[in-house]
């Protein structure tokens, strides 16, 4: 997350921008779970 904030009505979470992935880099994940 890049940012989490409250706008007076609700909470917002800003996910870091997803950049193009031109090469494979291993990253442990949960396959969508």
ModelCIF file with pLDDT and N, C-alpha, C, O atoms, coordinates in Angstrom:
data_MODEL
#
_entry.id   MODEL 
#
_entity.id                         1 
_entity.type                       polymer 
_entity.pdbx_number_of_molecules   1 
#
_entity_poly.entity_id                      1 
_entity_poly.type                           'polypeptide(L)' 
_entity_poly.nstd_linkage                   no 
_entity_poly.nstd_monomer                   no 
_entity_poly.pdbx_seq_one_letter_code       
;(UNK)(UNK)(UNK)(UNK)(UNK)(UNK)(UNK)(UNK)(UNK)(UNK)(UNK)(UNK)(UNK)(UNK)(UNK)(UNK)
(UNK)(UNK)(UNK)(UNK)(UNK)(UNK)(UNK)(UNK)(UNK)(UNK)(UNK)(UNK)(UNK)(UNK)(UNK)(UNK)
(UNK)
;
_entity_poly.pdbx_seq_one_letter_code_can   XXXXXXXXXXXXXXXXXXXXXXXXXXXXXXXXX 
_entity_poly.pdbx_strand_id                 A 
#
loop_
_entity_poly_seq.entity_id 
_entity_poly_seq.num 
_entity_poly_seq.mon_id 
_entity_poly_seq.hetero 
1 1  UNK n 
1 2  UNK n 
1 3  UNK n 
1 4  UNK n 
1 5  UNK n 
1 6  UNK n 
1 7  UNK n 
1 8  UNK n 
1 9  UNK n 
1 10 UNK n 
1 11 UNK n 
1 12 UNK n 
1 13 UNK n 
1 14 UNK n 
1 15 UNK n 
1 16 UNK n 
1 17 UNK n 
1 18 UNK n 
1 19 UNK n 
1 20 UNK n 
1 21 UNK n 
1 22 UNK n 
1 23 UNK n 
1 24 UNK n 
1 25 UNK n 
1 26 UNK n 
1 27 UNK n 
1 28 UNK n 
1 29 UNK n 
1 30 UNK n 
1 31 UNK n 
1 32 UNK n 
1 33 UNK n 
#
_struct_asym.id          A 
_struct_asym.entity_id   1 
#
loop_
_ma_qa_metric.id 
_ma_qa_metric.mode 
_ma_qa_metric.name 
_ma_qa_metric.software_group_id 
_ma_qa_metric.type 
1 global pLDDT . pLDDT 
2 local  pLDDT . pLDDT 
#
_ma_qa_metric_global.metric_id      1 
_ma_qa_metric_global.metric_value   96.27 
_ma_qa_metric_global.model_id       1 
_ma_qa_metric_global.ordinal_id     1 
#
loop_
_ma_qa_metric_local.label_asym_id 
_ma_qa_metric_local.label_comp_id 
_ma_qa_metric_local.label_seq_id 
_ma_qa_metric_local.metric_id 
_ma_qa_metric_local.metric_value 
_ma_qa_metric_local.model_id 
_ma_qa_metric_local.ordinal_id 
A UNK 1  2 98.00 1 1  
A UNK 2  2 98.00 1 2  
A UNK 3  2 97.00 1 3  
A UNK 4  2 98.00 1 4  
A UNK 5  2 98.00 1 5  
A UNK 6  2 98.00 1 6  
A UNK 7  2 97.00 1 7  
A UNK 8  2 97.00 1 8  
A UNK 9  2 97.00 1 9  
A UNK 10 2 98.00 1 10 
A UNK 11 2 98.00 1 11 
A UNK 12 2 98.00 1 12 
A UNK 13 2 98.00 1 13 
A UNK 14 2 98.00 1 14 
A UNK 15 2 98.00 1 15 
A UNK 16 2 98.00 1 16 
A UNK 17 2 98.00 1 17 
A UNK 18 2 98.00 1 18 
A UNK 19 2 97.00 1 19 
A UNK 20 2 97.00 1 20 
A UNK 21 2 96.00 1 21 
A UNK 22 2 93.00 1 22 
A UNK 23 2 93.00 1 23 
A UNK 24 2 95.00 1 24 
A UNK 25 2 90.00 1 25 
A UNK 26 2 92.00 1 26 
A UNK 27 2 92.00 1 27 
A UNK 28 2 92.00 1 28 
A UNK 29 2 94.00 1 29 
A UNK 30 2 96.00 1 30 
A UNK 31 2 96.00 1 31 
A UNK 32 2 97.00 1 32 
A UNK 33 2 97.00 1 33 
#
loop_
_atom_site.group_PDB 
_atom_site.id 
_atom_site.type_symbol 
_atom_site.label_atom_id 
_atom_site.label_alt_id 
_atom_site.label_comp_id 
_atom_site.label_asym_id 
_atom_site.label_entity_id 
_atom_site.label_seq_id 
_atom_site.pdbx_PDB_ins_code 
_atom_site.Cartn_x 
_atom_site.Cartn_y 
_atom_site.Cartn_z 
_atom_site.occupancy 
_atom_site.B_iso_or_equiv 
_atom_site.pdbx_formal_charge 
_atom_site.auth_seq_id 
_atom_site.auth_comp_id 
_atom_site.auth_asym_id 
_atom_site.auth_atom_id 
_atom_site.pdbx_PDB_model_num 
ATOM 1   N N  . UNK A 1 1  ? 0.826   -1.200  0.000   1.00 98.00 ? 1  UNK A N  1 
ATOM 2   C CA . UNK A 1 1  ? 0.000   0.000   0.000   1.00 98.00 ? 1  UNK A CA 1 
ATOM 3   C C  . UNK A 1 1  ? 0.867   1.260   0.000   1.00 98.00 ? 1  UNK A C  1 
ATOM 4   O O  . UNK A 1 1  ? 1.849   1.358   0.737   1.00 98.00 ? 1  UNK A O  1 
ATOM 5   N N  . UNK A 1 2  ? 0.491   2.195   -0.822  1.00 98.00 ? 2  UNK A N  1 
ATOM 6   C CA . UNK A 1 2  ? 1.175   3.484   -0.867  1.00 98.00 ? 2  UNK A CA 1 
ATOM 7   C C  . UNK A 1 2  ? 0.620   4.439   0.173   1.00 98.00 ? 2  UNK A C  1 
ATOM 8   O O  . UNK A 1 2  ? 1.347   5.268   0.718   1.00 98.00 ? 2  UNK A O  1 
ATOM 9   N N  . UNK A 1 3  ? -0.687  4.317   0.448   1.00 97.00 ? 3  UNK A N  1 
ATOM 10  C CA . UNK A 1 3  ? -1.322  5.276   1.341   1.00 97.00 ? 3  UNK A CA 1 
ATOM 11  C C  . UNK A 1 3  ? -2.622  4.699   1.883   1.00 97.00 ? 3  UNK A C  1 
ATOM 12  O O  . UNK A 1 3  ? -3.330  3.974   1.185   1.00 97.00 ? 3  UNK A O  1 
ATOM 13  N N  . UNK A 1 4  ? -2.928  5.028   3.136   1.00 98.00 ? 4  UNK A N  1 
ATOM 14  C CA . UNK A 1 4  ? -4.224  4.728   3.744   1.00 98.00 ? 4  UNK A CA 1 
ATOM 15  C C  . UNK A 1 4  ? -4.720  6.012   4.387   1.00 98.00 ? 4  UNK A C  1 
ATOM 16  O O  . UNK A 1 4  ? -3.983  6.650   5.139   1.00 98.00 ? 4  UNK A O  1 
ATOM 17  N N  . UNK A 1 5  ? -5.963  6.402   4.100   1.00 98.00 ? 5  UNK A N  1 
ATOM 18  C CA . UNK A 1 5  ? -6.447  7.655   4.676   1.00 98.00 ? 5  UNK A CA 1 
ATOM 19  C C  . UNK A 1 5  ? -7.965  7.625   4.859   1.00 98.00 ? 5  UNK A C  1 
ATOM 20  O O  . UNK A 1 5  ? -8.667  6.779   4.306   1.00 98.00 ? 5  UNK A O  1 
ATOM 21  N N  . UNK A 1 6  ? -8.438  8.583   5.656   1.00 98.00 ? 6  UNK A N  1 
ATOM 22  C CA . UNK A 1 6  ? -9.854  8.776   5.958   1.00 98.00 ? 6  UNK A CA 1 
ATOM 23  C C  . UNK A 1 6  ? -10.296 10.091  5.328   1.00 98.00 ? 6  UNK A C  1 
ATOM 24  O O  . UNK A 1 6  ? -9.651  11.120  5.527   1.00 98.00 ? 6  UNK A O  1 
ATOM 25  N N  . UNK A 1 7  ? -11.399 10.066  4.563   1.00 97.00 ? 7  UNK A N  1 
ATOM 26  C CA . UNK A 1 7  ? -11.833 11.278  3.874   1.00 97.00 ? 7  UNK A CA 1 
ATOM 27  C C  . UNK A 1 7  ? -13.003 11.975  4.559   1.00 97.00 ? 7  UNK A C  1 
ATOM 28  O O  . UNK A 1 7  ? -13.619 12.876  3.991   1.00 97.00 ? 7  UNK A O  1 
ATOM 29  N N  . UNK A 1 8  ? -13.305 11.550  5.788   1.00 97.00 ? 8  UNK A N  1 
ATOM 30  C CA . UNK A 1 8  ? -14.428 12.118  6.522   1.00 97.00 ? 8  UNK A CA 1 
ATOM 31  C C  . UNK A 1 8  ? -15.667 11.247  6.463   1.00 97.00 ? 8  UNK A C  1 
ATOM 32  O O  . UNK A 1 8  ? -16.573 11.396  7.283   1.00 97.00 ? 8  UNK A O  1 
ATOM 33  N N  . UNK A 1 9  ? -15.714 10.316  5.475   1.00 97.00 ? 9  UNK A N  1 
ATOM 34  C CA . UNK A 1 9  ? -16.849 9.407   5.351   1.00 97.00 ? 9  UNK A CA 1 
ATOM 35  C C  . UNK A 1 9  ? -16.432 7.939   5.344   1.00 97.00 ? 9  UNK A C  1 
ATOM 36  O O  . UNK A 1 9  ? -17.123 7.078   5.889   1.00 97.00 ? 9  UNK A O  1 
ATOM 37  N N  . UNK A 1 10 ? -15.295 7.674   4.718   1.00 98.00 ? 10 UNK A N  1 
ATOM 38  C CA . UNK A 1 10 ? -14.848 6.288   4.606   1.00 98.00 ? 10 UNK A CA 1 
ATOM 39  C C  . UNK A 1 10 ? -13.332 6.216   4.528   1.00 98.00 ? 10 UNK A C  1 
ATOM 40  O O  . UNK A 1 10 ? -12.652 7.214   4.287   1.00 98.00 ? 10 UNK A O  1 
ATOM 41  N N  . UNK A 1 11 ? -12.815 4.993   4.742   1.00 98.00 ? 11 UNK A N  1 
ATOM 42  C CA . UNK A 1 11 ? -11.381 4.751   4.634   1.00 98.00 ? 11 UNK A CA 1 
ATOM 43  C C  . UNK A 1 11 ? -11.027 4.384   3.193   1.00 98.00 ? 11 UNK A C  1 
ATOM 44  O O  . UNK A 1 11 ? -11.793 3.733   2.482   1.00 98.00 ? 11 UNK A O  1 
ATOM 45  N N  . UNK A 1 12 ? -9.828  4.832   2.792   1.00 98.00 ? 12 UNK A N  1 
ATOM 46  C CA . UNK A 1 12 ? -9.320  4.516   1.456   1.00 98.00 ? 12 UNK A CA 1 
ATOM 47  C C  . UNK A 1 12 ? -7.942  3.870   1.581   1.00 98.00 ? 12 UNK A C  1 
ATOM 48  O O  . UNK A 1 12 ? -7.134  4.255   2.426   1.00 98.00 ? 12 UNK A O  1 
ATOM 49  N N  . UNK A 1 13 ? -7.693  2.887   0.729   1.00 98.00 ? 13 UNK A N  1 
ATOM 50  C CA . UNK A 1 13 ? -6.365  2.266   0.636   1.00 98.00 ? 13 UNK A CA 1 
ATOM 51  C C  . UNK A 1 13 ? -5.887  2.413   -0.802  1.00 98.00 ? 13 UNK A C  1 
ATOM 52  O O  . UNK A 1 13 ? -6.580  2.009   -1.735  1.00 98.00 ? 13 UNK A O  1 
ATOM 53  N N  . UNK A 1 14 ? -4.706  2.991   -0.981  1.00 98.00 ? 14 UNK A N  1 
ATOM 54  C CA . UNK A 1 14 ? -4.130  3.198   -2.309  1.00 98.00 ? 14 UNK A CA 1 
ATOM 55  C C  . UNK A 1 14 ? -3.044  2.151   -2.533  1.00 98.00 ? 14 UNK A C  1 
ATOM 56  O O  . UNK A 1 14 ? -1.990  2.195   -1.899  1.00 98.00 ? 14 UNK A O  1 
ATOM 57  N N  . UNK A 1 15 ? -3.303  1.221   -3.427  1.00 98.00 ? 15 UNK A N  1 
ATOM 58  C CA . UNK A 1 15 ? -2.299  0.204   -3.756  1.00 98.00 ? 15 UNK A CA 1 
ATOM 59  C C  . UNK A 1 15 ? -1.212  0.852   -4.612  1.00 98.00 ? 15 UNK A C  1 
ATOM 60  O O  . UNK A 1 15 ? -1.510  1.652   -5.500  1.00 98.00 ? 15 UNK A O  1 
ATOM 61  N N  . UNK A 1 16 ? 0.055   0.503   -4.341  1.00 98.00 ? 16 UNK A N  1 
ATOM 62  C CA . UNK A 1 16 ? 1.142   1.028   -5.157  1.00 98.00 ? 16 UNK A CA 1 
ATOM 63  C C  . UNK A 1 16 ? 0.850   0.774   -6.630  1.00 98.00 ? 16 UNK A C  1 
ATOM 64  O O  . UNK A 1 16 ? 0.378   -0.309  -6.978  1.00 98.00 ? 16 UNK A O  1 
ATOM 65  N N  . UNK A 1 17 ? 1.118   1.743   -7.509  1.00 98.00 ? 17 UNK A N  1 
ATOM 66  C CA . UNK A 1 17 ? 0.872   1.537   -8.942  1.00 98.00 ? 17 UNK A CA 1 
ATOM 67  C C  . UNK A 1 17 ? 1.562   0.270   -9.441  1.00 98.00 ? 17 UNK A C  1 
ATOM 68  O O  . UNK A 1 17 ? 2.719   0.007   -9.111  1.00 98.00 ? 17 UNK A O  1 
ATOM 69  N N  . UNK A 1 18 ? 0.841   -0.504  -10.236 1.00 98.00 ? 18 UNK A N  1 
ATOM 70  C CA . UNK A 1 18 ? 1.381   -1.738  -10.800 1.00 98.00 ? 18 UNK A CA 1 
ATOM 71  C C  . UNK A 1 18 ? 2.092   -1.437  -12.113 1.00 98.00 ? 18 UNK A C  1 
ATOM 72  O O  . UNK A 1 18 ? 1.463   -1.106  -13.118 1.00 98.00 ? 18 UNK A O  1 
ATOM 73  N N  . UNK A 1 19 ? 3.414   -1.558  -12.081 1.00 97.00 ? 19 UNK A N  1 
ATOM 74  C CA . UNK A 1 19 ? 4.253   -1.273  -13.243 1.00 97.00 ? 19 UNK A CA 1 
ATOM 75  C C  . UNK A 1 19 ? 4.294   -2.479  -14.181 1.00 97.00 ? 19 UNK A C  1 
ATOM 76  O O  . UNK A 1 19 ? 4.063   -3.606  -13.742 1.00 97.00 ? 19 UNK A O  1 
ATOM 77  N N  . UNK A 1 20 ? 4.585   -2.261  -15.464 1.00 97.00 ? 20 UNK A N  1 
ATOM 78  C CA . UNK A 1 20 ? 4.757   -3.384  -16.394 1.00 97.00 ? 20 UNK A CA 1 
ATOM 79  C C  . UNK A 1 20 ? 5.850   -4.333  -15.901 1.00 97.00 ? 20 UNK A C  1 
ATOM 80  O O  . UNK A 1 20 ? 6.842   -3.901  -15.315 1.00 97.00 ? 20 UNK A O  1 
ATOM 81  N N  . UNK A 1 21 ? 5.657   -5.621  -16.144 1.00 96.00 ? 21 UNK A N  1 
ATOM 82  C CA . UNK A 1 21 ? 6.626   -6.625  -15.695 1.00 96.00 ? 21 UNK A CA 1 
ATOM 83  C C  . UNK A 1 21 ? 7.238   -7.295  -16.933 1.00 96.00 ? 21 UNK A C  1 
ATOM 84  O O  . UNK A 1 21 ? 6.693   -8.250  -17.488 1.00 96.00 ? 21 UNK A O  1 
ATOM 85  N N  . UNK A 1 22 ? 8.384   -6.756  -17.337 1.00 93.00 ? 22 UNK A N  1 
ATOM 86  C CA . UNK A 1 22 ? 9.017   -7.209  -18.574 1.00 93.00 ? 22 UNK A CA 1 
ATOM 87  C C  . UNK A 1 22 ? 9.884   -8.447  -18.369 1.00 93.00 ? 22 UNK A C  1 
ATOM 88  O O  . UNK A 1 22 ? 10.330  -9.069  -19.333 1.00 93.00 ? 22 UNK A O  1 
ATOM 89  N N  . UNK A 1 23 ? 10.118  -8.798  -17.109 1.00 93.00 ? 23 UNK A N  1 
ATOM 90  C CA . UNK A 1 23 ? 10.897  -9.992  -16.804 1.00 93.00 ? 23 UNK A CA 1 
ATOM 91  C C  . UNK A 1 23 ? 10.239  -10.735 -15.647 1.00 93.00 ? 23 UNK A C  1 
ATOM 92  O O  . UNK A 1 23 ? 9.502   -10.152 -14.853 1.00 93.00 ? 23 UNK A O  1 
ATOM 93  N N  . UNK A 1 24 ? 10.520  -12.034 -15.569 1.00 95.00 ? 24 UNK A N  1 
ATOM 94  C CA . UNK A 1 24 ? 9.970   -12.822 -14.466 1.00 95.00 ? 24 UNK A CA 1 
ATOM 95  C C  . UNK A 1 24 ? 10.813  -12.602 -13.214 1.00 95.00 ? 24 UNK A C  1 
ATOM 96  O O  . UNK A 1 24 ? 12.038  -12.715 -13.240 1.00 95.00 ? 24 UNK A O  1 
ATOM 97  N N  . UNK A 1 25 ? 10.130  -12.286 -12.128 1.00 90.00 ? 25 UNK A N  1 
ATOM 98  C CA . UNK A 1 25 ? 10.774  -12.176 -10.820 1.00 90.00 ? 25 UNK A CA 1 
ATOM 99  C C  . UNK A 1 25 ? 9.935   -12.984 -9.835  1.00 90.00 ? 25 UNK A C  1 
ATOM 100 O O  . UNK A 1 25 ? 8.746   -12.719 -9.659  1.00 90.00 ? 25 UNK A O  1 
ATOM 101 N N  . UNK A 1 26 ? 10.560  -13.973 -9.194  1.00 92.00 ? 26 UNK A N  1 
ATOM 102 C CA . UNK A 1 26 ? 9.794   -14.816 -8.279  1.00 92.00 ? 26 UNK A CA 1 
ATOM 103 C C  . UNK A 1 26 ? 9.290   -14.004 -7.092  1.00 92.00 ? 26 UNK A C  1 
ATOM 104 O O  . UNK A 1 26 ? 10.020  -13.201 -6.511  1.00 92.00 ? 26 UNK A O  1 
ATOM 105 N N  . UNK A 1 27 ? 8.031   -14.232 -6.749  1.00 92.00 ? 27 UNK A N  1 
ATOM 106 C CA . UNK A 1 27 ? 7.434   -13.598 -5.579  1.00 92.00 ? 27 UNK A CA 1 
ATOM 107 C C  . UNK A 1 27 ? 6.395   -14.564 -5.039  1.00 92.00 ? 27 UNK A C  1 
ATOM 108 O O  . UNK A 1 27 ? 5.453   -14.925 -5.745  1.00 92.00 ? 27 UNK A O  1 
ATOM 109 N N  . UNK A 1 28 ? 6.559   -14.986 -3.788  1.00 92.00 ? 28 UNK A N  1 
ATOM 110 C CA . UNK A 1 28 ? 5.610   -15.926 -3.200  1.00 92.00 ? 28 UNK A CA 1 
ATOM 111 C C  . UNK A 1 28 ? 4.222   -15.295 -3.152  1.00 92.00 ? 28 UNK A C  1 
ATOM 112 O O  . UNK A 1 28 ? 4.048   -14.181 -2.657  1.00 92.00 ? 28 UNK A O  1 
ATOM 113 N N  . UNK A 1 29 ? 3.238   -16.026 -3.674  1.00 94.00 ? 29 UNK A N  1 
ATOM 114 C CA . UNK A 1 29 ? 1.895   -15.465 -3.721  1.00 94.00 ? 29 UNK A CA 1 
ATOM 115 C C  . UNK A 1 29 ? 0.877   -16.528 -3.315  1.00 94.00 ? 29 UNK A C  1 
ATOM 116 O O  . UNK A 1 29 ? 1.241   -17.634 -2.914  1.00 94.00 ? 29 UNK A O  1 
ATOM 117 N N  . UNK A 1 30 ? -0.405  -16.176 -3.425  1.00 96.00 ? 30 UNK A N  1 
ATOM 118 C CA . UNK A 1 30 ? -1.477  -17.074 -2.985  1.00 96.00 ? 30 UNK A CA 1 
ATOM 119 C C  . UNK A 1 30 ? -2.419  -17.435 -4.126  1.00 96.00 ? 30 UNK A C  1 
ATOM 120 O O  . UNK A 1 30 ? -3.530  -17.907 -3.881  1.00 96.00 ? 30 UNK A O  1 
ATOM 121 N N  . UNK A 1 31 ? -1.993  -17.220 -5.371  1.00 96.00 ? 31 UNK A N  1 
ATOM 122 C CA . UNK A 1 31 ? -2.776  -17.622 -6.543  1.00 96.00 ? 31 UNK A CA 1 
ATOM 123 C C  . UNK A 1 31 ? -4.223  -17.147 -6.490  1.00 96.00 ? 31 UNK A C  1 
ATOM 124 O O  . UNK A 1 31 ? -5.147  -17.891 -6.820  1.00 96.00 ? 31 UNK A O  1 
ATOM 125 N N  . UNK A 1 32 ? -4.406  -15.893 -6.067  1.00 97.00 ? 32 UNK A N  1 
ATOM 126 C CA . UNK A 1 32 ? -5.729  -15.290 -6.089  1.00 97.00 ? 32 UNK A CA 1 
ATOM 127 C C  . UNK A 1 32 ? -6.516  -15.391 -4.800  1.00 97.00 ? 32 UNK A C  1 
ATOM 128 O O  . UNK A 1 32 ? -7.586  -14.794 -4.690  1.00 97.00 ? 32 UNK A O  1 
ATOM 129 N N  . UNK A 1 33 ? -6.014  -16.134 -3.816  1.00 97.00 ? 33 UNK A N  1 
ATOM 130 C CA . UNK A 1 33 ? -6.751  -16.331 -2.569  1.00 97.00 ? 33 UNK A CA 1 
ATOM 131 C C  . UNK A 1 33 ? -6.696  -15.073 -1.700  1.00 97.00 ? 33 UNK A C  1 
ATOM 132 O O  . UNK A 1 33 ? -7.263  -15.051 -0.608  1.00 97.00 ? 33 UNK A O  1 
#
